[in-house]
Amino acid sequence: MDRLLLIDEVAEMTRKSPSTLRWFRHIGAGPKSAKLGRRVVYRESDVLAWLDEQFAATGG
């Protein structure tokens, strides 16, 4: 099973602020996320896949 990350952990991994990640979630961008109860969580593999996509899109 994938490790579930909270928004602060994803913010640290991506060097984005939690508010930026909330905005990404609002507009449908950023890594996939889900709500469990009142908390937004991210699967670690989804965050890593999203980061790989960002590098691929910029030729990095």
C-alpha atoms as a PDB file:
ATOM      1  CA  MET A   1       0.000   0.000   0.000  1.00  0.00           C
ATOM      2  CA  ASP A   2       1.163   3.500  -0.851  1.00  0.00           C
ATOM      3  CA  ARG A   3       2.098   5.905   1.897  1.00  0.00           C
ATOM      4  CA  LEU A   4      -0.502   8.659   2.343  1.00  0.00           C
ATOM      5  CA  LEU A   5       0.848  12.184   2.655  1.00  0.00           C
ATOM      6  CA  LEU A   6      -0.742  15.274   4.142  1.00  0.00           C
ATOM      7  CA  ILE A   7      -0.618  18.611   2.362  1.00  0.00           C
ATOM      8  CA  ASP A   8       2.292  19.895   4.487  1.00  0.00           C
ATOM      9  CA  GLU A   9       4.375  16.844   3.559  1.00  0.00           C
ATOM     10  CA  VAL A  10       3.612  17.317  -0.144  1.00  0.00           C
ATOM     11  CA  ALA A  11       4.422  21.015   0.143  1.00  0.00           C
ATOM     12  CA  GLU A  12       7.825  20.126   1.559  1.00  0.00           C
ATOM     13  CA  MET A  13       8.469  17.540  -1.185  1.00  0.00           C
ATOM     14  CA  THR A  14       7.487  19.879  -4.022  1.00  0.00           C
ATOM     15  CA  ARG A  15       8.781  23.124  -2.533  1.00  0.00           C
ATOM     16  CA  LYS A  16       5.313  24.620  -3.031  1.00  0.00           C
ATOM     17  CA  SER A  17       3.276  26.281  -0.316  1.00  0.00           C
ATOM     18  CA  PRO A  18       0.219  24.504   1.062  1.00  0.00           C
ATOM     19  CA  SER A  19      -1.928  27.332  -0.326  1.00  0.00           C
ATOM     20  CA  THR A  20      -0.513  26.743  -3.822  1.00  0.00           C
ATOM     21  CA  LEU A  21      -1.350  23.057  -3.523  1.00  0.00           C
ATOM     22  CA  ARG A  22      -4.886  23.970  -2.413  1.00  0.00           C
ATOM     23  CA  TRP A  23      -5.193  26.223  -5.477  1.00  0.00           C
ATOM     24  CA  PHE A  24      -3.899  23.430  -7.731  1.00  0.00           C
ATOM     25  CA  ARG A  25      -6.529  21.134  -6.228  1.00  0.00           C
ATOM     26  CA  HIS A  26      -9.227  23.752  -6.829  1.00  0.00           C
ATOM     27  CA  ILE A  27      -8.346  24.203 -10.527  1.00  0.00           C
ATOM     28  CA  GLY A  28      -7.676  20.496 -11.150  1.00  0.00           C
ATOM     29  CA  ALA A  29      -3.906  20.774 -11.504  1.00  0.00           C
ATOM     30  CA  GLY A  30      -1.187  19.278  -9.360  1.00  0.00           C
ATOM     31  CA  PRO A  31      -0.891  15.752  -8.022  1.00  0.00           C
ATOM     32  CA  LYS A  32      -3.980  13.588  -7.548  1.00  0.00           C
ATOM     33  CA  SER A  33      -5.542  13.869  -4.119  1.00  0.00           C
ATOM     34  CA  ALA A  34      -8.513  12.563  -2.180  1.00  0.00           C
ATOM     35  CA  LYS A  35     -10.505  13.537   0.865  1.00  0.00           C
ATOM     36  CA  LEU A  36     -10.592  11.126   3.772  1.00  0.00           C
ATOM     37  CA  GLY A  37     -13.070  12.592   6.155  1.00  0.00           C
ATOM     38  CA  ARG A  38     -12.054  16.213   6.465  1.00  0.00           C
ATOM     39  CA  ARG A  39      -8.430  15.682   5.430  1.00  0.00           C
ATOM     40  CA  VAL A  40      -6.938  15.928   1.980  1.00  0.00           C
ATOM     41  CA  VAL A  41      -4.364  13.214   1.357  1.00  0.00           C
ATOM     42  CA  TYR A  42      -2.015  12.392  -1.476  1.00  0.00           C
ATOM     43  CA  ARG A  43      -0.551   9.017  -2.418  1.00  0.00           C
ATOM     44  CA  GLU A  44       3.215   9.253  -2.483  1.00  0.00           C
ATOM     45  CA  SER A  45       3.352   7.531  -5.886  1.00  0.00           C
ATOM     46  CA  ASP A  46       0.940  10.117  -7.361  1.00  0.00           C
ATOM     47  CA  VAL A  47       3.093  12.986  -6.101  1.00  0.00           C
ATOM     48  CA  LEU A  48       6.244  11.402  -7.538  1.00  0.00           C
ATOM     49  CA  ALA A  49       4.487  10.724 -10.868  1.00  0.00           C
ATOM     50  CA  TRP A  50       3.320  14.346 -11.017  1.00  0.00           C
ATOM     51  CA  LEU A  51       6.866  15.563 -10.355  1.00  0.00           C
ATOM     52  CA  ASP A  52       8.159  13.318 -13.162  1.00  0.00           C
ATOM     53  CA  GLU A  53       5.523  14.803 -15.500  1.00  0.00           C
ATOM     54  CA  GLN A  54       6.713  18.317 -14.633  1.00  0.00           C
ATOM     55  CA  PHE A  55      10.297  17.428 -15.524  1.00  0.00           C
ATOM     56  CA  ALA A  56       9.214  15.706 -18.750  1.00  0.00           C
ATOM     57  CA  ALA A  57       7.104  18.719 -19.794  1.00  0.00           C
ATOM     58  CA  THR A  58      10.064  21.065 -19.434  1.00  0.00           C
ATOM     59  CA  GLY A  59      12.582  18.780 -21.066  1.00  0.00           C
ATOM     60  CA  GLY A  60      14.398  18.240 -17.758  1.00  0.00           C
END
